[in-house]
């Protein structure tokens, strides 16, 4: 899967949601790598109308993705498929205040995987 496709898809979804809510969409992204047979983790905050997150690896290994609500063991998203790409939505609190999530990326392969992370919010 091409990261441009993921970015365009989540941008389009966020733009439609933002237009429906009368808001303007924005985005943020970065590139990083996870070493062979290793993990990396991030804390992500979702505010307002929430945000879409898209992650795509370089195709060399299988990446798994797990998202929990910060401070709990409550899993809200998990992708254990056989690819290194995923897209998911993170809702904010019901009143629009920010909610924190923990993202764990697991590299199941024997070489590092360079991934692109993109978040789009409305």
PDB file of N, CA and C in Angstrom:
ATOM      1  N   UNK A   1       0.842  -1.166   0.000  1.00  0.00           N
ATOM      2  CA  UNK A   1       0.000   0.000   0.000  1.00  0.00           C
ATOM      3  C   UNK A   1       0.888   1.230   0.000  1.00  0.00           C
ATOM      4  N   UNK A   2       0.551   2.228  -0.748  1.00  0.00           N
ATOM      5  CA  UNK A   2       1.328   3.440  -0.876  1.00  0.00           C
ATOM      6  C   UNK A   2       0.903   4.457   0.183  1.00  0.00           C
ATOM      7  N   UNK A   3       1.879   5.067   0.890  1.00  0.00           N
ATOM      8  CA  UNK A   3       1.548   6.024   1.943  1.00  0.00           C
ATOM      9  C   UNK A   3       0.771   7.203   1.380  1.00  0.00           C
ATOM     10  N   UNK A   4       1.006   7.572   0.134  1.00  0.00           N
ATOM     11  CA  UNK A   4       0.232   8.654  -0.453  1.00  0.00           C
ATOM     12  C   UNK A   4      -1.246   8.305  -0.503  1.00  0.00           C
ATOM     13  N   UNK A   5      -1.556   7.042  -0.762  1.00  0.00           N
ATOM     14  CA  UNK A   5      -2.950   6.602  -0.772  1.00  0.00           C
ATOM     15  C   UNK A   5      -3.539   6.704   0.628  1.00  0.00           C
ATOM     16  N   UNK A   6      -2.791   6.242   1.639  1.00  0.00           N
ATOM     17  CA  UNK A   6      -3.267   6.338   3.015  1.00  0.00           C
ATOM     18  C   UNK A   6      -3.474   7.793   3.402  1.00  0.00           C
ATOM     19  N   UNK A   7      -2.476   8.634   3.126  1.00  0.00           N
ATOM     20  CA  UNK A   7      -2.570  10.056   3.484  1.00  0.00           C
ATOM     21  C   UNK A   7      -3.767  10.701   2.800  1.00  0.00           C
ATOM     22  N   UNK A   8      -3.935  10.441   1.502  1.00  0.00           N
ATOM     23  CA  UNK A   8      -5.061  11.031   0.783  1.00  0.00           C
ATOM     24  C   UNK A   8      -6.384  10.528   1.324  1.00  0.00           C
ATOM     25  N   UNK A   9      -6.455   9.244   1.661  1.00  0.00           N
ATOM     26  CA  UNK A   9      -7.697   8.674   2.182  1.00  0.00           C
ATOM     27  C   UNK A   9      -8.063   9.285   3.524  1.00  0.00           C
ATOM     28  N   UNK A  10      -7.110   9.337   4.465  1.00  0.00           N
ATOM     29  CA  UNK A  10      -7.458   9.881   5.777  1.00  0.00           C
ATOM     30  C   UNK A  10      -7.650  11.390   5.716  1.00  0.00           C
ATOM     31  N   UNK A  11      -6.943  12.077   4.798  1.00  0.00           N
ATOM     32  CA  UNK A  11      -7.166  13.507   4.628  1.00  0.00           C
ATOM     33  C   UNK A  11      -8.571  13.752   4.107  1.00  0.00           C
ATOM     34  N   UNK A  12      -8.998  12.964   3.115  1.00  0.00           N
ATOM     35  CA  UNK A  12     -10.339  13.133   2.557  1.00  0.00           C
ATOM     36  C   UNK A  12     -11.410  12.876   3.609  1.00  0.00           C
ATOM     37  N   UNK A  13     -11.249  11.818   4.385  1.00  0.00           N
ATOM     38  CA  UNK A  13     -12.216  11.505   5.444  1.00  0.00           C
ATOM     39  C   UNK A  13     -12.259  12.636   6.466  1.00  0.00           C
ATOM     40  N   UNK A  14     -11.085  13.116   6.878  1.00  0.00           N
ATOM     41  CA  UNK A  14     -11.029  14.192   7.872  1.00  0.00           C
ATOM     42  C   UNK A  14     -11.614  15.487   7.321  1.00  0.00           C
ATOM     43  N   UNK A  15     -11.360  15.775   6.056  1.00  0.00           N
ATOM     44  CA  UNK A  15     -11.909  16.984   5.458  1.00  0.00           C
ATOM     45  C   UNK A  15     -13.431  16.938   5.417  1.00  0.00           C
ATOM     46  N   UNK A  16     -13.981  15.797   5.033  1.00  0.00           N
ATOM     47  CA  UNK A  16     -15.434  15.652   5.003  1.00  0.00           C
ATOM     48  C   UNK A  16     -16.005  15.803   6.409  1.00  0.00           C
ATOM     49  N   UNK A  17     -15.377  15.137   7.382  1.00  0.00           N
ATOM     50  CA  UNK A  17     -15.852  15.239   8.771  1.00  0.00           C
ATOM     51  C   UNK A  17     -15.717  16.669   9.271  1.00  0.00           C
ATOM     52  N   UNK A  18     -14.617  17.315   8.929  1.00  0.00           N
ATOM     53  CA  UNK A  18     -14.402  18.697   9.354  1.00  0.00           C
ATOM     54  C   UNK A  18     -15.397  19.653   8.732  1.00  0.00           C
ATOM     55  N   UNK A  19     -15.696  19.458   7.450  1.00  0.00           N
ATOM     56  CA  UNK A  19     -16.675  20.316   6.790  1.00  0.00           C
ATOM     57  C   UNK A  19     -18.038  20.132   7.424  1.00  0.00           C
ATOM     58  N   UNK A  20     -18.372  18.884   7.750  1.00  0.00           N
ATOM     59  CA  UNK A  20     -19.669  18.613   8.371  1.00  0.00           C
ATOM     60  C   UNK A  20     -19.756  19.283   9.737  1.00  0.00           C
ATOM     61  N   UNK A  21     -18.625  19.384  10.424  1.00  0.00           N
ATOM     62  CA  UNK A  21     -18.613  19.999  11.755  1.00  0.00           C
ATOM     63  C   UNK A  21     -18.280  21.484  11.703  1.00  0.00           C
ATOM     64  N   UNK A  22     -18.000  22.007  10.503  1.00  0.00           N
ATOM     65  CA  UNK A  22     -17.664  23.413  10.367  1.00  0.00           C
ATOM     66  C   UNK A  22     -16.245  23.723  10.790  1.00  0.00           C
ATOM     67  N   UNK A  23     -15.376  22.741  10.815  1.00  0.00           N
ATOM     68  CA  UNK A  23     -13.995  22.938  11.241  1.00  0.00           C
ATOM     69  C   UNK A  23     -13.060  22.830  10.043  1.00  0.00           C
ATOM     70  N   UNK A  24     -11.801  23.238  10.260  1.00  0.00           N
ATOM     71  CA  UNK A  24     -10.785  23.112   9.227  1.00  0.00           C
ATOM     72  C   UNK A  24      -9.835  21.992   9.617  1.00  0.00           C
ATOM     73  N   UNK A  25      -9.489  21.134   8.664  1.00  0.00           N
ATOM     74  CA  UNK A  25      -8.624  19.988   8.948  1.00  0.00           C
ATOM     75  C   UNK A  25      -7.157  20.399   8.938  1.00  0.00           C
ATOM     76  N   UNK A  26      -6.342  19.633   9.664  1.00  0.00           N
ATOM     77  CA  UNK A  26      -4.903  19.826   9.676  1.00  0.00           C
ATOM     78  C   UNK A  26      -4.235  18.476   9.740  1.00  0.00           C
ATOM     79  N   UNK A  27      -2.906  18.457   9.546  1.00  0.00           N
ATOM     80  CA  UNK A  27      -2.207  17.185   9.587  1.00  0.00           C
ATOM     81  C   UNK A  27      -0.797  17.362  10.118  1.00  0.00           C
ATOM     82  N   UNK A  28      -0.209  16.246  10.493  1.00  0.00           N
ATOM     83  CA  UNK A  28       1.144  16.220  11.027  1.00  0.00           C
ATOM     84  C   UNK A  28       1.713  14.841  10.735  1.00  0.00           C
ATOM     85  N   UNK A  29       2.998  14.759  10.463  1.00  0.00           N
ATOM     86  CA  UNK A  29       3.583  13.457  10.192  1.00  0.00           C
ATOM     87  C   UNK A  29       5.068  13.430  10.472  1.00  0.00           C
ATOM     88  N   UNK A  30       5.606  12.220  10.506  1.00  0.00           N
ATOM     89  CA  UNK A  30       7.036  12.026  10.691  1.00  0.00           C
ATOM     90  C   UNK A  30       7.425  10.644  10.193  1.00  0.00           C
ATOM     91  N   UNK A  31       8.718  10.441  10.035  1.00  0.00           N
ATOM     92  CA  UNK A  31       9.263   9.152   9.640  1.00  0.00           C
ATOM     93  C   UNK A  31      10.193   8.666  10.746  1.00  0.00           C
ATOM     94  N   UNK A  32      10.182   7.363  10.987  1.00  0.00           N
ATOM     95  CA  UNK A  32      11.055   6.774  12.001  1.00  0.00           C
ATOM     96  C   UNK A  32      11.297   5.319  11.628  1.00  0.00           C
ATOM     97  N   UNK A  33      12.045   4.611  12.446  1.00  0.00           N
ATOM     98  CA  UNK A  33      12.252   3.191  12.183  1.00  0.00           C
ATOM     99  C   UNK A  33      12.160   2.407  13.473  1.00  0.00           C
ATOM    100  N   UNK A  34      11.767   1.152  13.314  1.00  0.00           N
ATOM    101  CA  UNK A  34      11.739   0.222  14.433  1.00  0.00           C
ATOM    102  C   UNK A  34      12.696  -0.915  14.059  1.00  0.00           C
ATOM    103  N   UNK A  35      13.585  -1.216  14.979  1.00  0.00           N
ATOM    104  CA  UNK A  35      14.620  -2.209  14.709  1.00  0.00           C
ATOM    105  C   UNK A  35      14.028  -3.618  14.598  1.00  0.00           C
ATOM    106  N   UNK A  36      14.797  -4.538  14.048  1.00  0.00           N
ATOM    107  CA  UNK A  36      14.370  -5.923  13.884  1.00  0.00           C
ATOM    108  C   UNK A  36      13.965  -6.520  15.230  1.00  0.00           C
ATOM    109  N   UNK A  37      12.834  -7.236  15.227  1.00  0.00           N
ATOM    110  CA  UNK A  37      12.335  -7.924  16.431  1.00  0.00           C
ATOM    111  C   UNK A  37      12.269  -7.001  17.646  1.00  0.00           C
ATOM    112  N   UNK A  38      11.860  -5.741  17.416  1.00  0.00           N
ATOM    113  CA  UNK A  38      11.823  -4.742  18.486  1.00  0.00           C
ATOM    114  C   UNK A  38      10.491  -4.000  18.434  1.00  0.00           C
ATOM    115  N   UNK A  39      10.283  -3.116  19.388  1.00  0.00           N
ATOM    116  CA  UNK A  39       9.075  -2.304  19.448  1.00  0.00           C
ATOM    117  C   UNK A  39       9.452  -0.832  19.604  1.00  0.00           C
ATOM    118  N   UNK A  40       8.504   0.019  19.277  1.00  0.00           N
ATOM    119  CA  UNK A  40       8.615   1.439  19.569  1.00  0.00           C
ATOM    120  C   UNK A  40       7.231   1.919  19.982  1.00  0.00           C
ATOM    121  N   UNK A  41       7.174   2.925  20.823  1.00  0.00           N
ATOM    122  CA  UNK A  41       5.868   3.382  21.310  1.00  0.00           C
ATOM    123  C   UNK A  41       5.787   4.904  21.304  1.00  0.00           C
ATOM    124  N   UNK A  42       4.558   5.385  21.217  1.00  0.00           N
ATOM    125  CA  UNK A  42       4.281   6.819  21.176  1.00  0.00           C
ATOM    126  C   UNK A  42       3.027   7.099  21.985  1.00  0.00           C
ATOM    127  N   UNK A  43       2.946   8.294  22.517  1.00  0.00           N
ATOM    128  CA  UNK A  43       1.714   8.787  23.115  1.00  0.00           C
ATOM    129  C   UNK A  43       1.101   9.760  22.119  1.00  0.00           C
ATOM    130  N   UNK A  44      -0.168   9.538  21.813  1.00  0.00           N
ATOM    131  CA  UNK A  44      -0.893  10.364  20.846  1.00  0.00           C
ATOM    132  C   UNK A  44      -2.078  10.987  21.558  1.00  0.00           C
ATOM    133  N   UNK A  45      -2.278  12.281  21.338  1.00  0.00           N
ATOM    134  CA  UNK A  45      -3.437  12.960  21.927  1.00  0.00           C
ATOM    135  C   UNK A  45      -4.454  13.263  20.841  1.00  0.00           C
ATOM    136  N   UNK A  46      -5.715  12.978  21.144  1.00  0.00           N
ATOM    137  CA  UNK A  46      -6.816  13.293  20.242  1.00  0.00           C
ATOM    138  C   UNK A  46      -7.717  14.301  20.939  1.00  0.00           C
ATOM    139  N   UNK A  47      -7.944  15.442  20.292  1.00  0.00           N
ATOM    140  CA  UNK A  47      -8.749  16.528  20.860  1.00  0.00           C
ATOM    141  C   UNK A  47      -9.877  16.889  19.885  1.00  0.00           C
ATOM    142  N   UNK A  48     -10.826  17.660  20.362  1.00  0.00           N
ATOM    143  CA  UNK A  48     -11.896  18.159  19.493  1.00  0.00           C
ATOM    144  C   UNK A  48     -12.715  17.040  18.892  1.00  0.00           C
ATOM    145  N   UNK A  49     -12.657  16.934  17.567  1.00  0.00           N
ATOM    146  CA  UNK A  49     -13.417  15.911  16.851  1.00  0.00           C
ATOM    147  C   UNK A  49     -12.640  14.612  16.706  1.00  0.00           C
ATOM    148  N   UNK A  50     -11.437  14.520  17.277  1.00  0.00           N
ATOM    149  CA  UNK A  50     -10.605  13.325  17.165  1.00  0.00           C
ATOM    150  C   UNK A  50      -9.678  13.417  15.969  1.00  0.00           C
ATOM    151  N   UNK A  51      -9.008  12.301  15.650  1.00  0.00           N
ATOM    152  CA  UNK A  51      -8.075  12.306  14.522  1.00  0.00           C
ATOM    153  C   UNK A  51      -7.958  10.930  13.898  1.00  0.00           C
ATOM    154  N   UNK A  52      -7.612  10.929  12.625  1.00  0.00           N
ATOM    155  CA  UNK A  52      -7.265   9.723  11.881  1.00  0.00           C
ATOM    156  C   UNK A  52      -5.766   9.559  11.908  1.00  0.00           C
ATOM    157  N   UNK A  53      -5.301   8.324  12.027  1.00  0.00           N
ATOM    158  CA  UNK A  53      -3.878   8.028  12.022  1.00  0.00           C
ATOM    159  C   UNK A  53      -3.620   6.977  10.943  1.00  0.00           C
ATOM    160  N   UNK A  54      -2.600   7.218  10.138  1.00  0.00           N
ATOM    161  CA  UNK A  54      -2.172   6.263   9.128  1.00  0.00           C
ATOM    162  C   UNK A  54      -0.685   5.988   9.306  1.00  0.00           C
ATOM    163  N   UNK A  55      -0.304   4.724   9.248  1.00  0.00           N
ATOM    164  CA  UNK A  55       1.099   4.327   9.385  1.00  0.00           C
ATOM    165  C   UNK A  55       1.399   3.323   8.284  1.00  0.00           C
ATOM    166  N   UNK A  56       2.528   3.526   7.610  1.00  0.00           N
ATOM    167  CA  UNK A  56       2.936   2.560   6.604  1.00  0.00           C
ATOM    168  C   UNK A  56       4.436   2.349   6.674  1.00  0.00           C
ATOM    169  N   UNK A  57       4.835   1.081   6.719  1.00  0.00           N
ATOM    170  CA  UNK A  57       6.245   0.725   6.746  1.00  0.00           C
ATOM    171  C   UNK A  57       6.836   0.668   5.360  1.00  0.00           C
ATOM    172  N   UNK A  58       8.105   0.283   5.295  1.00  0.00           N
ATOM    173  CA  UNK A  58       8.828   0.248   4.023  1.00  0.00           C
ATOM    174  C   UNK A  58       8.598  -1.036   3.234  1.00  0.00           C
ATOM    175  N   UNK A  59       7.823  -1.964   3.771  1.00  0.00           N
ATOM    176  CA  UNK A  59       7.486  -3.198   3.064  1.00  0.00           C
ATOM    177  C   UNK A  59       8.432  -4.361   3.332  1.00  0.00           C
ATOM    178  N   UNK A  60       9.488  -4.127   4.108  1.00  0.00           N
ATOM    179  CA  UNK A  60      10.475  -5.185   4.352  1.00  0.00           C
ATOM    180  C   UNK A  60      10.036  -6.210   5.391  1.00  0.00           C
ATOM    181  N   UNK A  61       9.200  -5.803   6.346  1.00  0.00           N
ATOM    182  CA  UNK A  61       8.776  -6.710   7.416  1.00  0.00           C
ATOM    183  C   UNK A  61       7.312  -6.481   7.755  1.00  0.00           C
ATOM    184  N   UNK A  62       6.765  -7.362   8.568  1.00  0.00           N
ATOM    185  CA  UNK A  62       5.408  -7.227   9.087  1.00  0.00           C
ATOM    186  C   UNK A  62       5.456  -6.379  10.355  1.00  0.00           C
ATOM    187  N   UNK A  63       4.630  -5.339  10.402  1.00  0.00           N
ATOM    188  CA  UNK A  63       4.473  -4.543  11.619  1.00  0.00           C
ATOM    189  C   UNK A  63       3.091  -4.797  12.191  1.00  0.00           C
ATOM    190  N   UNK A  64       3.000  -4.944  13.507  1.00  0.00           N
ATOM    191  CA  UNK A  64       1.721  -5.011  14.201  1.00  0.00           C
ATOM    192  C   UNK A  64       1.541  -3.725  14.982  1.00  0.00           C
ATOM    193  N   UNK A  65       0.273  -3.349  15.204  1.00  0.00           N
ATOM    194  CA  UNK A  65      -0.058  -2.077  15.831  1.00  0.00           C
ATOM    195  C   UNK A  65      -1.084  -2.309  16.933  1.00  0.00           C
ATOM    196  N   UNK A  66      -0.849  -1.712  18.108  1.00  0.00           N
ATOM    197  CA  UNK A  66      -1.791  -1.810  19.223  1.00  0.00           C
ATOM    198  C   UNK A  66      -1.947  -0.433  19.849  1.00  0.00           C
ATOM    199  N   UNK A  67      -3.209  -0.044  20.075  1.00  0.00           N
ATOM    200  CA  UNK A  67      -3.508   1.254  20.678  1.00  0.00           C
ATOM    201  C   UNK A  67      -4.344   1.026  21.923  1.00  0.00           C
ATOM    202  N   UNK A  68      -3.899   1.607  23.032  1.00  0.00           N
ATOM    203  CA  UNK A  68      -4.654   1.552  24.288  1.00  0.00           C
ATOM    204  C   UNK A  68      -4.922   2.970  24.778  1.00  0.00           C
ATOM    205  N   UNK A  69      -5.960   3.120  25.579  1.00  0.00           N
ATOM    206  CA  UNK A  69      -6.204   4.395  26.248  1.00  0.00           C
ATOM    207  C   UNK A  69      -5.114   4.553  27.298  1.00  0.00           C
ATOM    208  N   UNK A  70      -4.437   5.707  27.289  1.00  0.00           N
ATOM    209  CA  UNK A  70      -3.326   5.939  28.217  1.00  0.00           C
ATOM    210  C   UNK A  70      -3.795   5.764  29.663  1.00  0.00           C
ATOM    211  N   UNK A  71      -2.955   5.116  30.459  1.00  0.00           N
ATOM    212  CA  UNK A  71      -3.263   4.894  31.865  1.00  0.00           C
ATOM    213  C   UNK A  71      -4.168   3.704  32.124  1.00  0.00           C
ATOM    214  N   UNK A  72      -4.518   2.983  31.044  1.00  0.00           N
ATOM    215  CA  UNK A  72      -5.375   1.798  31.193  1.00  0.00           C
ATOM    216  C   UNK A  72      -4.794   0.674  30.344  1.00  0.00           C
ATOM    217  N   UNK A  73      -5.380  -0.492  30.457  1.00  0.00           N
ATOM    218  CA  UNK A  73      -5.038  -1.612  29.575  1.00  0.00           C
ATOM    219  C   UNK A  73      -6.114  -1.819  28.523  1.00  0.00           C
ATOM    220  N   UNK A  74      -7.007  -0.838  28.374  1.00  0.00           N
ATOM    221  CA  UNK A  74      -8.137  -0.971  27.457  1.00  0.00           C
ATOM    222  C   UNK A  74      -7.686  -0.750  26.016  1.00  0.00           C
ATOM    223  N   UNK A  75      -7.691  -1.822  25.239  1.00  0.00           N
ATOM    224  CA  UNK A  75      -7.322  -1.754  23.832  1.00  0.00           C
ATOM    225  C   UNK A  75      -8.481  -1.187  23.034  1.00  0.00           C
ATOM    226  N   UNK A  76      -8.196  -0.163  22.218  1.00  0.00           N
ATOM    227  CA  UNK A  76      -9.251   0.387  21.365  1.00  0.00           C
ATOM    228  C   UNK A  76      -9.013   0.075  19.894  1.00  0.00           C
ATOM    229  N   UNK A  77      -7.781  -0.358  19.566  1.00  0.00           N
ATOM    230  CA  UNK A  77      -7.477  -0.732  18.190  1.00  0.00           C
ATOM    231  C   UNK A  77      -6.302  -1.694  18.192  1.00  0.00           C
ATOM    232  N   UNK A  78      -6.387  -2.693  17.325  1.00  0.00           N
ATOM    233  CA  UNK A  78      -5.298  -3.651  17.182  1.00  0.00           C
ATOM    234  C   UNK A  78      -5.277  -4.128  15.738  1.00  0.00           C
ATOM    235  N   UNK A  79      -4.094  -4.178  15.141  1.00  0.00           N
ATOM    236  CA  UNK A  79      -3.938  -4.657  13.770  1.00  0.00           C
ATOM    237  C   UNK A  79      -2.769  -5.635  13.768  1.00  0.00           C
ATOM    238  N   UNK A  80      -3.096  -6.923  13.730  1.00  0.00           N
ATOM    239  CA  UNK A  80      -2.089  -7.979  13.711  1.00  0.00           C
ATOM    240  C   UNK A  80      -2.018  -8.643  12.336  1.00  0.00           C
ATOM    241  N   UNK A  81      -2.431  -7.912  11.314  1.00  0.00           N
ATOM    242  CA  UNK A  81      -2.427  -8.458   9.959  1.00  0.00           C
ATOM    243  C   UNK A  81      -1.015  -8.723   9.463  1.00  0.00           C
ATOM    244  N   UNK A  82      -0.910  -9.184   8.245  1.00  0.00           N
ATOM    245  CA  UNK A  82       0.379  -9.585   7.690  1.00  0.00           C
ATOM    246  C   UNK A  82       1.052  -8.485   6.871  1.00  0.00           C
ATOM    247  N   UNK A  83       0.621  -7.243   7.033  1.00  0.00           N
ATOM    248  CA  UNK A  83       1.239  -6.130   6.311  1.00  0.00           C
ATOM    249  C   UNK A  83       1.916  -5.190   7.302  1.00  0.00           C
ATOM    250  N   UNK A  84       2.473  -4.113   6.766  1.00  0.00           N
ATOM    251  CA  UNK A  84       3.091  -3.107   7.633  1.00  0.00           C
ATOM    252  C   UNK A  84       2.396  -1.762   7.491  1.00  0.00           C
ATOM    253  N   UNK A  85       1.082  -1.790   7.233  1.00  0.00           N
ATOM    254  CA  UNK A  85       0.311  -0.556   7.086  1.00  0.00           C
ATOM    255  C   UNK A  85      -1.011  -0.668   7.825  1.00  0.00           C
ATOM    256  N   UNK A  86      -1.487   0.477   8.333  1.00  0.00           N
ATOM    257  CA  UNK A  86      -2.763   0.500   9.033  1.00  0.00           C
ATOM    258  C   UNK A  86      -3.325   1.913   9.038  1.00  0.00           C
ATOM    259  N   UNK A  87      -4.628   2.022   9.235  1.00  0.00           N
ATOM    260  CA  UNK A  87      -5.318   3.302   9.403  1.00  0.00           C
ATOM    261  C   UNK A  87      -6.344   3.106  10.507  1.00  0.00           C
ATOM    262  N   UNK A  88      -6.429   4.071  11.438  1.00  0.00           N
ATOM    263  CA  UNK A  88      -7.414   3.975  12.510  1.00  0.00           C
ATOM    264  C   UNK A  88      -7.825   5.364  12.974  1.00  0.00           C
ATOM    265  N   UNK A  89      -8.972   5.431  13.677  1.00  0.00           N
ATOM    266  CA  UNK A  89      -9.504   6.693  14.199  1.00  0.00           C
ATOM    267  C   UNK A  89      -9.384   6.715  15.714  1.00  0.00           C
ATOM    268  N   UNK A  90      -8.966   7.857  16.256  1.00  0.00           N
ATOM    269  CA  UNK A  90      -8.885   8.053  17.709  1.00  0.00           C
ATOM    270  C   UNK A  90      -9.872   9.139  18.121  1.00  0.00           C
ATOM    271  N   UNK A  91     -10.899   8.775  18.881  1.00  0.00           N
ATOM    272  CA  UNK A  91     -11.859   9.790  19.326  1.00  0.00           C
ATOM    273  C   UNK A  91     -11.333  10.577  20.522  1.00  0.00           C
ATOM    274  N   UNK A  92     -11.766  11.819  20.608  1.00  0.00           N
ATOM    275  CA  UNK A  92     -11.488  12.616  21.803  1.00  0.00           C
ATOM    276  C   UNK A  92     -12.549  12.269  22.847  1.00  0.00           C
ATOM    277  N   UNK A  93     -12.493  12.918  23.998  1.00  0.00           N
ATOM    278  CA  UNK A  93     -13.544  12.744  25.000  1.00  0.00           C
ATOM    279  C   UNK A  93     -14.858  13.300  24.459  1.00  0.00           C
ATOM    280  N   UNK A  94     -15.975  12.878  25.017  1.00  0.00           N
ATOM    281  CA  UNK A  94     -17.296  13.269  24.529  1.00  0.00           C
ATOM    282  C   UNK A  94     -17.487  14.787  24.497  1.00  0.00           C
ATOM    283  N   UNK A  95     -16.858  15.505  25.426  1.00  0.00           N
ATOM    284  CA  UNK A  95     -17.003  16.957  25.463  1.00  0.00           C
ATOM    285  C   UNK A  95     -15.967  17.667  24.588  1.00  0.00           C
ATOM    286  N   UNK A  96     -15.176  16.905  23.824  1.00  0.00           N
ATOM    287  CA  UNK A  96     -14.173  17.477  22.932  1.00  0.00           C
ATOM    288  C   UNK A  96     -12.813  17.685  23.569  1.00  0.00           C
ATOM    289  N   UNK A  97     -12.721  17.443  24.880  1.00  0.00           N
ATOM    290  CA  UNK A  97     -11.417  17.601  25.530  1.00  0.00           C
ATOM    291  C   UNK A  97     -10.480  16.479  25.081  1.00  0.00           C
ATOM    292  N   UNK A  98      -9.217  16.707  25.275  1.00  0.00           N
ATOM    293  CA  UNK A  98      -8.205  15.769  24.766  1.00  0.00           C
ATOM    294  C   UNK A  98      -8.201  14.457  25.545  1.00  0.00           C
ATOM    295  N   UNK A  99      -7.892  13.388  24.815  1.00  0.00           N
ATOM    296  CA  UNK A  99      -7.717  12.063  25.397  1.00  0.00           C
ATOM    297  C   UNK A  99      -6.383  11.524  24.891  1.00  0.00           C
ATOM    298  N   UNK A 100      -5.606  10.920  25.772  1.00  0.00           N
ATOM    299  CA  UNK A 100      -4.301  10.380  25.399  1.00  0.00           C
ATOM    300  C   UNK A 100      -4.405   8.882  25.131  1.00  0.00           C
ATOM    301  N   UNK A 101      -3.632   8.450  24.133  1.00  0.00           N
ATOM    302  CA  UNK A 101      -3.564   7.046  23.744  1.00  0.00           C
ATOM    303  C   UNK A 101      -2.107   6.617  23.666  1.00  0.00           C
ATOM    304  N   UNK A 102      -1.865   5.344  23.904  1.00  0.00           N
ATOM    305  CA  UNK A 102      -0.530   4.766  23.723  1.00  0.00           C
ATOM    306  C   UNK A 102      -0.558   3.896  22.473  1.00  0.00           C
ATOM    307  N   UNK A 103       0.384   4.157  21.565  1.00  0.00           N
ATOM    308  CA  UNK A 103       0.534   3.386  20.339  1.00  0.00           C
ATOM    309  C   UNK A 103       1.792   2.545  20.457  1.00  0.00           C
ATOM    310  N   UNK A 104       1.660   1.246  20.243  1.00  0.00           N
ATOM    311  CA  UNK A 104       2.794   0.327  20.243  1.00  0.00           C
ATOM    312  C   UNK A 104       2.930  -0.239  18.837  1.00  0.00           C
ATOM    313  N   UNK A 105       4.127  -0.101  18.257  1.00  0.00           N
ATOM    314  CA  UNK A 105       4.429  -0.655  16.938  1.00  0.00           C
ATOM    315  C   UNK A 105       5.436  -1.781  17.145  1.00  0.00           C
ATOM    316  N   UNK A 106       5.101  -2.961  16.645  1.00  0.00           N
ATOM    317  CA  UNK A 106       5.919  -4.160  16.845  1.00  0.00           C
ATOM    318  C   UNK A 106       6.453  -4.632  15.493  1.00  0.00           C
ATOM    319  N   UNK A 107       7.759  -4.747  15.380  1.00  0.00           N
ATOM    320  CA  UNK A 107       8.381  -5.263  14.156  1.00  0.00           C
ATOM    321  C   UNK A 107       8.617  -6.761  14.329  1.00  0.00           C
ATOM    322  N   UNK A 108       7.958  -7.565  13.503  1.00  0.00           N
ATOM    323  CA  UNK A 108       8.082  -9.021  13.584  1.00  0.00           C
ATOM    324  C   UNK A 108       9.190  -9.568  12.690  1.00  0.00           C
ATOM    325  N   UNK A 109       9.875  -8.684  11.977  1.00  0.00           N
ATOM    326  CA  UNK A 109      10.860  -9.138  11.004  1.00  0.00           C
ATOM    327  C   UNK A 109      12.286  -9.178  11.509  1.00  0.00           C
ATOM    328  N   UNK A 110      13.164  -9.671  10.629  1.00  0.00           N
ATOM    329  CA  UNK A 110      14.584  -9.828  10.950  1.00  0.00           C
ATOM    330  C   UNK A 110      15.440  -8.645  10.523  1.00  0.00           C
ATOM    331  N   UNK A 111      14.831  -7.601   9.958  1.00  0.00           N
ATOM    332  CA  UNK A 111      15.537  -6.365   9.601  1.00  0.00           C
ATOM    333  C   UNK A 111      14.703  -5.186  10.096  1.00  0.00           C
ATOM    334  N   UNK A 112      15.316  -4.009  10.159  1.00  0.00           N
ATOM    335  CA  UNK A 112      14.565  -2.829  10.605  1.00  0.00           C
ATOM    336  C   UNK A 112      13.489  -2.488   9.582  1.00  0.00           C
ATOM    337  N   UNK A 113      12.495  -1.725  10.008  1.00  0.00           N
ATOM    338  CA  UNK A 113      11.429  -1.247   9.132  1.00  0.00           C
ATOM    339  C   UNK A 113      11.299   0.254   9.336  1.00  0.00           C
ATOM    340  N   UNK A 114      11.506   1.016   8.268  1.00  0.00           N
ATOM    341  CA  UNK A 114      11.308   2.473   8.318  1.00  0.00           C
ATOM    342  C   UNK A 114       9.844   2.733   7.984  1.00  0.00           C
ATOM    343  N   UNK A 115       9.167   3.456   8.865  1.00  0.00           N
ATOM    344  CA  UNK A 115       7.744   3.715   8.667  1.00  0.00           C
ATOM    345  C   UNK A 115       7.465   5.206   8.614  1.00  0.00           C
ATOM    346  N   UNK A 116       6.352   5.540   7.991  1.00  0.00           N
ATOM    347  CA  UNK A 116       5.842   6.911   7.923  1.00  0.00           C
ATOM    348  C   UNK A 116       4.577   6.965   8.766  1.00  0.00           C
ATOM    349  N   UNK A 117       4.503   7.947   9.645  1.00  0.00           N
ATOM    350  CA  UNK A 117       3.352   8.159  10.517  1.00  0.00           C
ATOM    351  C   UNK A 117       2.684   9.452  10.071  1.00  0.00           C
ATOM    352  N   UNK A 118       1.371   9.423   9.905  1.00  0.00           N
ATOM    353  CA  UNK A 118       0.626  10.615   9.513  1.00  0.00           C
ATOM    354  C   UNK A 118      -0.643  10.686  10.339  1.00  0.00           C
ATOM    355  N   UNK A 119      -0.923  11.867  10.900  1.00  0.00           N
ATOM    356  CA  UNK A 119      -2.170  12.068  11.621  1.00  0.00           C
ATOM    357  C   UNK A 119      -2.905  13.247  10.998  1.00  0.00           C
ATOM    358  N   UNK A 120      -4.216  13.100  10.882  1.00  0.00           N
ATOM    359  CA  UNK A 120      -5.057  14.134  10.291  1.00  0.00           C
ATOM    360  C   UNK A 120      -6.237  14.348  11.219  1.00  0.00           C
ATOM    361  N   UNK A 121      -6.474  15.584  11.570  1.00  0.00           N
ATOM    362  CA  UNK A 121      -7.596  15.891  12.445  1.00  0.00           C
ATOM    363  C   UNK A 121      -8.491  16.933  11.817  1.00  0.00           C
ATOM    364  N   UNK A 122      -9.725  16.991  12.328  1.00  0.00           N
ATOM    365  CA  UNK A 122     -10.702  17.962  11.809  1.00  0.00           C
ATOM    366  C   UNK A 122     -10.831  19.131  12.753  1.00  0.00           C
TER     367      UNK A 122
END
